[in-house]
Amino acid sequence: MNHRSAFSRMNGLAQRHHRPRIIAAKKSSLHRRAMTLVEVMVVVVILGILATTVTISVRDYLVSGKQNAARQEVAQIVAALELYYLENNRYPTPQEGLAVLIAKTPAHPDGLLRGGDLKDPWGHPYEYLQPGLHGSFDVFSLGADGAEGGEGAGADITSWQESGP
């Protein structure tokens, strides 16, 4: 018996001996893929729970941010109304409304209230009363709900009340 035939014979036995292991390894590989899918699903569920928790806690900051922006815009409108009064010796009439503050004039080519579209952070127009119920004029936002009164995000932002927290 030569060396080559003995080697091929041993090689053939070795291949037959390792085939079940190869099949077992493939089955094990399939099992690992299934476990990986389950693990991925668990991770996705955990991430969903975390995202929900973060969204709930961030929502309060978004509401207070919009309310603070509305307070600042009301203060800017009040300052523009006072400047209008100084220049014209009167406040805008209810018919003129707040639109007169963004109108371009020779004295104010950008208007008295620059860059203002006269809408609150929720997309509702700012309200203007002249004469006001609380002073010479009242400027207010009806909040997120667009209705008078309300609490939380729906609370009104007014020119006659002190700024909140």
C-alpha atoms as a PDB file:
ATOM      1  CA  MET A   1       0.000   0.000   0.000  1.00  0.00           C
ATOM      2  CA  ASN A   2       1.472   3.262  -0.988  1.00  0.00           C
ATOM      3  CA  HIS A   3       1.343   6.444   1.004  1.00  0.00           C
ATOM      4  CA  ARG A   4      -1.135   8.151  -1.248  1.00  0.00           C
ATOM      5  CA  SER A   5      -3.816   5.522  -0.994  1.00  0.00           C
ATOM      6  CA  ALA A   6      -3.455   5.333   2.791  1.00  0.00           C
ATOM      7  CA  PHE A   7      -3.753   9.108   3.016  1.00  0.00           C
ATOM      8  CA  SER A   8      -6.846   9.205   0.772  1.00  0.00           C
ATOM      9  CA  ARG A   9      -8.384   6.431   2.780  1.00  0.00           C
ATOM     10  CA  MET A  10      -7.776   8.280   6.051  1.00  0.00           C
ATOM     11  CA  ASN A  11      -9.011  11.478   4.486  1.00  0.00           C
ATOM     12  CA  GLY A  12     -12.245   9.757   3.379  1.00  0.00           C
ATOM     13  CA  LEU A  13     -12.794   8.398   6.892  1.00  0.00           C
ATOM     14  CA  ALA A  14     -12.115  11.818   8.351  1.00  0.00           C
ATOM     15  CA  GLN A  15     -14.607  13.420   5.983  1.00  0.00           C
ATOM     16  CA  ARG A  16     -17.290  10.899   6.865  1.00  0.00           C
ATOM     17  CA  HIS A  17     -16.532  11.367  10.521  1.00  0.00           C
ATOM     18  CA  HIS A  18     -16.867  15.184  10.322  1.00  0.00           C
ATOM     19  CA  ARG A  19     -20.034  15.363   8.229  1.00  0.00           C
ATOM     20  CA  PRO A  20     -22.404  14.944  11.174  1.00  0.00           C
ATOM     21  CA  ARG A  21     -20.552  17.703  12.941  1.00  0.00           C
ATOM     22  CA  ILE A  22     -20.946  19.981   9.931  1.00  0.00           C
ATOM     23  CA  ILE A  23     -24.696  19.278   9.859  1.00  0.00           C
ATOM     24  CA  ALA A  24     -24.861  19.809  13.616  1.00  0.00           C
ATOM     25  CA  ALA A  25     -22.952  23.054  13.213  1.00  0.00           C
ATOM     26  CA  LYS A  26     -25.464  24.223  10.580  1.00  0.00           C
ATOM     27  CA  LYS A  27     -28.352  23.373  12.901  1.00  0.00           C
ATOM     28  CA  SER A  28     -26.607  25.213  15.711  1.00  0.00           C
ATOM     29  CA  SER A  29     -26.123  28.172  13.377  1.00  0.00           C
ATOM     30  CA  LEU A  30     -29.842  28.207  12.564  1.00  0.00           C
ATOM     31  CA  HIS A  31     -30.629  28.052  16.254  1.00  0.00           C
ATOM     32  CA  ARG A  32     -28.321  31.000  16.905  1.00  0.00           C
ATOM     33  CA  ARG A  33     -30.063  33.060  14.224  1.00  0.00           C
ATOM     34  CA  ALA A  34     -33.432  32.434  15.874  1.00  0.00           C
ATOM     35  CA  MET A  35     -32.045  33.468  19.223  1.00  0.00           C
ATOM     36  CA  THR A  36     -30.567  36.582  17.638  1.00  0.00           C
ATOM     37  CA  LEU A  37     -33.983  37.516  16.236  1.00  0.00           C
ATOM     38  CA  VAL A  38     -35.553  37.125  19.682  1.00  0.00           C
ATOM     39  CA  GLU A  39     -32.779  39.187  21.219  1.00  0.00           C
ATOM     40  CA  VAL A  40     -33.284  41.914  18.609  1.00  0.00           C
ATOM     41  CA  MET A  41     -37.010  41.942  19.326  1.00  0.00           C
ATOM     42  CA  VAL A  42     -36.331  42.319  23.057  1.00  0.00           C
ATOM     43  CA  VAL A  43     -33.946  45.207  22.377  1.00  0.00           C
ATOM     44  CA  VAL A  44     -36.522  46.903  20.128  1.00  0.00           C
ATOM     45  CA  VAL A  45     -39.170  46.593  22.845  1.00  0.00           C
ATOM     46  CA  ILE A  46     -36.794  48.030  25.452  1.00  0.00           C
ATOM     47  CA  LEU A  47     -35.915  50.931  23.130  1.00  0.00           C
ATOM     48  CA  GLY A  48     -39.629  51.565  22.561  1.00  0.00           C
ATOM     49  CA  ILE A  49     -40.247  51.742  26.303  1.00  0.00           C
ATOM     50  CA  LEU A  50     -37.314  54.131  26.751  1.00  0.00           C
ATOM     51  CA  ALA A  51     -38.482  56.329  23.865  1.00  0.00           C
ATOM     52  CA  THR A  52     -41.975  56.526  25.355  1.00  0.00           C
ATOM     53  CA  THR A  53     -40.591  57.513  28.745  1.00  0.00           C
ATOM     54  CA  VAL A  54     -38.356  60.197  27.244  1.00  0.00           C
ATOM     55  CA  THR A  55     -41.194  61.551  25.094  1.00  0.00           C
ATOM     56  CA  ILE A  56     -43.479  61.924  28.087  1.00  0.00           C
ATOM     57  CA  SER A  57     -40.882  63.779  30.127  1.00  0.00           C
ATOM     58  CA  VAL A  58     -39.781  66.000  27.208  1.00  0.00           C
ATOM     59  CA  ARG A  59     -43.370  66.962  26.345  1.00  0.00           C
ATOM     60  CA  ASP A  60     -43.619  69.078  29.509  1.00  0.00           C
ATOM     61  CA  TYR A  61     -40.492  70.996  28.488  1.00  0.00           C
ATOM     62  CA  LEU A  62     -41.916  71.612  25.020  1.00  0.00           C
ATOM     63  CA  VAL A  63     -45.161  72.987  26.480  1.00  0.00           C
ATOM     64  CA  SER A  64     -43.347  75.327  28.865  1.00  0.00           C
ATOM     65  CA  GLY A  65     -41.019  76.404  26.027  1.00  0.00           C
ATOM     66  CA  LYS A  66     -43.971  77.407  23.850  1.00  0.00           C
ATOM     67  CA  GLN A  67     -45.577  79.245  26.760  1.00  0.00           C
ATOM     68  CA  ASN A  68     -42.348  81.155  27.437  1.00  0.00           C
ATOM     69  CA  ALA A  69     -42.074  82.036  23.738  1.00  0.00           C
ATOM     70  CA  ALA A  70     -45.675  83.325  23.800  1.00  0.00           C
ATOM     71  CA  ARG A  71     -44.918  85.453  26.891  1.00  0.00           C
ATOM     72  CA  GLN A  72     -41.914  87.002  25.142  1.00  0.00           C
ATOM     73  CA  GLU A  73     -43.898  87.680  21.983  1.00  0.00           C
ATOM     74  CA  VAL A  74     -46.730  89.294  23.979  1.00  0.00           C
ATOM     75  CA  ALA A  75     -44.126  91.504  25.679  1.00  0.00           C
ATOM     76  CA  GLN A  76     -42.715  92.493  22.261  1.00  0.00           C
ATOM     77  CA  ILE A  77     -46.194  93.318  20.974  1.00  0.00           C
ATOM     78  CA  VAL A  78     -46.864  95.447  24.072  1.00  0.00           C
ATOM     79  CA  ALA A  79     -43.575  97.323  23.527  1.00  0.00           C
ATOM     80  CA  ALA A  80     -44.481  97.903  19.855  1.00  0.00           C
ATOM     81  CA  LEU A  81     -47.935  99.175  20.894  1.00  0.00           C
ATOM     82  CA  GLU A  82     -46.341 101.616  23.340  1.00  0.00           C
ATOM     83  CA  LEU A  83     -44.018 102.863  20.598  1.00  0.00           C
ATOM     84  CA  TYR A  84     -47.014 103.245  18.270  1.00  0.00           C
ATOM     85  CA  TYR A  85     -48.726 105.309  20.971  1.00  0.00           C
ATOM     86  CA  LEU A  86     -45.660 107.548  21.376  1.00  0.00           C
ATOM     87  CA  GLU A  87     -45.524 108.233  17.638  1.00  0.00           C
ATOM     88  CA  ASN A  88     -49.279 108.584  16.973  1.00  0.00           C
ATOM     89  CA  ASN A  89     -50.659 109.725  20.344  1.00  0.00           C
ATOM     90  CA  ARG A  90     -53.144 106.836  20.234  1.00  0.00           C
ATOM     91  CA  TYR A  91     -53.249 103.048  20.214  1.00  0.00           C
ATOM     92  CA  PRO A  92     -54.341 101.174  17.087  1.00  0.00           C
ATOM     93  CA  THR A  93     -58.100 100.890  16.748  1.00  0.00           C
ATOM     94  CA  PRO A  94     -59.748  97.461  16.913  1.00  0.00           C
ATOM     95  CA  GLN A  95     -60.281  97.729  13.139  1.00  0.00           C
ATOM     96  CA  GLU A  96     -56.579  98.378  12.534  1.00  0.00           C
ATOM     97  CA  GLY A  97     -55.638  95.663  14.986  1.00  0.00           C
ATOM     98  CA  LEU A  98     -52.117  94.393  15.455  1.00  0.00           C
ATOM     99  CA  ALA A  99     -51.509  94.327  11.701  1.00  0.00           C
ATOM    100  CA  VAL A 100     -50.582  98.011  11.875  1.00  0.00           C
ATOM    101  CA  LEU A 101     -47.488  96.980  13.870  1.00  0.00           C
ATOM    102  CA  ILE A 102     -46.026  94.961  11.007  1.00  0.00           C
ATOM    103  CA  ALA A 103     -47.012  97.414   8.269  1.00  0.00           C
ATOM    104  CA  LYS A 104     -44.072  99.030   6.496  1.00  0.00           C
ATOM    105  CA  THR A 105     -43.988 102.809   6.715  1.00  0.00           C
ATOM    106  CA  PRO A 106     -41.394 105.412   5.687  1.00  0.00           C
ATOM    107  CA  ALA A 107     -40.505 105.881   9.365  1.00  0.00           C
ATOM    108  CA  HIS A 108     -40.315 102.106   9.929  1.00  0.00           C
ATOM    109  CA  PRO A 109     -39.374 100.251   6.737  1.00  0.00           C
ATOM    110  CA  ASP A 110     -39.436  96.909   8.613  1.00  0.00           C
ATOM    111  CA  GLY A 111     -42.528  97.770  10.646  1.00  0.00           C
ATOM    112  CA  LEU A 112     -42.657  98.393  14.385  1.00  0.00           C
ATOM    113  CA  LEU A 113     -42.724  94.684  15.081  1.00  0.00           C
ATOM    114  CA  ARG A 114     -39.989  93.081  13.008  1.00  0.00           C
ATOM    115  CA  GLY A 115     -40.385  89.563  11.737  1.00  0.00           C
ATOM    116  CA  GLY A 116     -43.722  89.113  13.442  1.00  0.00           C
ATOM    117  CA  ASP A 117     -46.464  87.148  11.775  1.00  0.00           C
ATOM    118  CA  LEU A 118     -48.721  87.893  14.762  1.00  0.00           C
ATOM    119  CA  LYS A 119     -49.359  84.206  15.462  1.00  0.00           C
ATOM    120  CA  ASP A 120     -48.632  82.482  18.734  1.00  0.00           C
ATOM    121  CA  PRO A 121     -46.445  79.350  18.944  1.00  0.00           C
ATOM    122  CA  TRP A 122     -49.568  77.205  18.433  1.00  0.00           C
ATOM    123  CA  GLY A 123     -50.452  78.958  15.167  1.00  0.00           C
ATOM    124  CA  HIS A 124     -53.371  81.023  16.504  1.00  0.00           C
ATOM    125  CA  PRO A 125     -53.465  84.807  15.983  1.00  0.00           C
ATOM    126  CA  TYR A 126     -52.735  86.987  19.005  1.00  0.00           C
ATOM    127  CA  GLU A 127     -55.856  88.719  20.287  1.00  0.00           C
ATOM    128  CA  TYR A 128     -56.030  92.505  20.716  1.00  0.00           C
ATOM    129  CA  LEU A 129     -58.677  94.512  22.544  1.00  0.00           C
ATOM    130  CA  GLN A 130     -58.710  98.308  22.619  1.00  0.00           C
ATOM    131  CA  PRO A 131     -59.866  99.633  24.972  1.00  0.00           C
ATOM    132  CA  GLY A 132     -58.875  96.660  27.064  1.00  0.00           C
ATOM    133  CA  LEU A 133     -60.644  95.171  30.044  1.00  0.00           C
ATOM    134  CA  HIS A 134     -57.430  95.378  32.083  1.00  0.00           C
ATOM    135  CA  GLY A 135     -55.849  98.599  30.792  1.00  0.00           C
ATOM    136  CA  SER A 136     -55.634 100.797  27.714  1.00  0.00           C
ATOM    137  CA  PHE A 137     -55.361  97.614  25.631  1.00  0.00           C
ATOM    138  CA  ASP A 138     -55.164  93.875  26.134  1.00  0.00           C
ATOM    139  CA  VAL A 139     -52.974  91.481  24.163  1.00  0.00           C
ATOM    140  CA  PHE A 140     -53.263  87.761  24.733  1.00  0.00           C
ATOM    141  CA  SER A 141     -52.829  84.275  23.342  1.00  0.00           C
ATOM    142  CA  LEU A 142     -55.511  81.670  23.936  1.00  0.00           C
ATOM    143  CA  GLY A 143     -52.920  78.922  24.389  1.00  0.00           C
ATOM    144  CA  ALA A 144     -52.751  75.525  22.733  1.00  0.00           C
ATOM    145  CA  ASP A 145     -56.499  74.897  22.854  1.00  0.00           C
ATOM    146  CA  GLY A 146     -57.401  78.214  21.177  1.00  0.00           C
ATOM    147  CA  ALA A 147     -60.185  78.825  23.742  1.00  0.00           C
ATOM    148  CA  GLU A 148     -60.425  81.213  26.670  1.00  0.00           C
ATOM    149  CA  GLY A 149     -59.240  79.928  30.019  1.00  0.00           C
ATOM    150  CA  GLY A 150     -57.670  76.537  30.322  1.00  0.00           C
ATOM    151  CA  GLU A 151     -54.871  74.921  32.224  1.00  0.00           C
ATOM    152  CA  GLY A 152     -51.480  73.525  31.324  1.00  0.00           C
ATOM    153  CA  ALA A 153     -50.802  73.882  27.592  1.00  0.00           C
ATOM    154  CA  GLY A 154     -54.265  75.413  27.116  1.00  0.00           C
ATOM    155  CA  ALA A 155     -53.625  78.261  29.599  1.00  0.00           C
ATOM    156  CA  ASP A 156     -53.970  81.802  28.244  1.00  0.00           C
ATOM    157  CA  ILE A 157     -50.899  84.046  28.025  1.00  0.00           C
ATOM    158  CA  THR A 158     -51.874  87.650  28.695  1.00  0.00           C
ATOM    159  CA  SER A 159     -50.327  91.120  28.788  1.00  0.00           C
ATOM    160  CA  TRP A 160     -51.963  92.025  32.104  1.00  0.00           C
ATOM    161  CA  GLN A 161     -50.801  89.105  34.241  1.00  0.00           C
ATOM    162  CA  GLU A 162     -47.308  88.704  35.594  1.00  0.00           C
ATOM    163  CA  SER A 163     -45.131  86.165  33.827  1.00  0.00           C
ATOM    164  CA  GLY A 164     -45.347  82.686  35.235  1.00  0.00           C
ATOM    165  CA  PRO A 165     -42.465  80.298  35.951  1.00  0.00           C
END
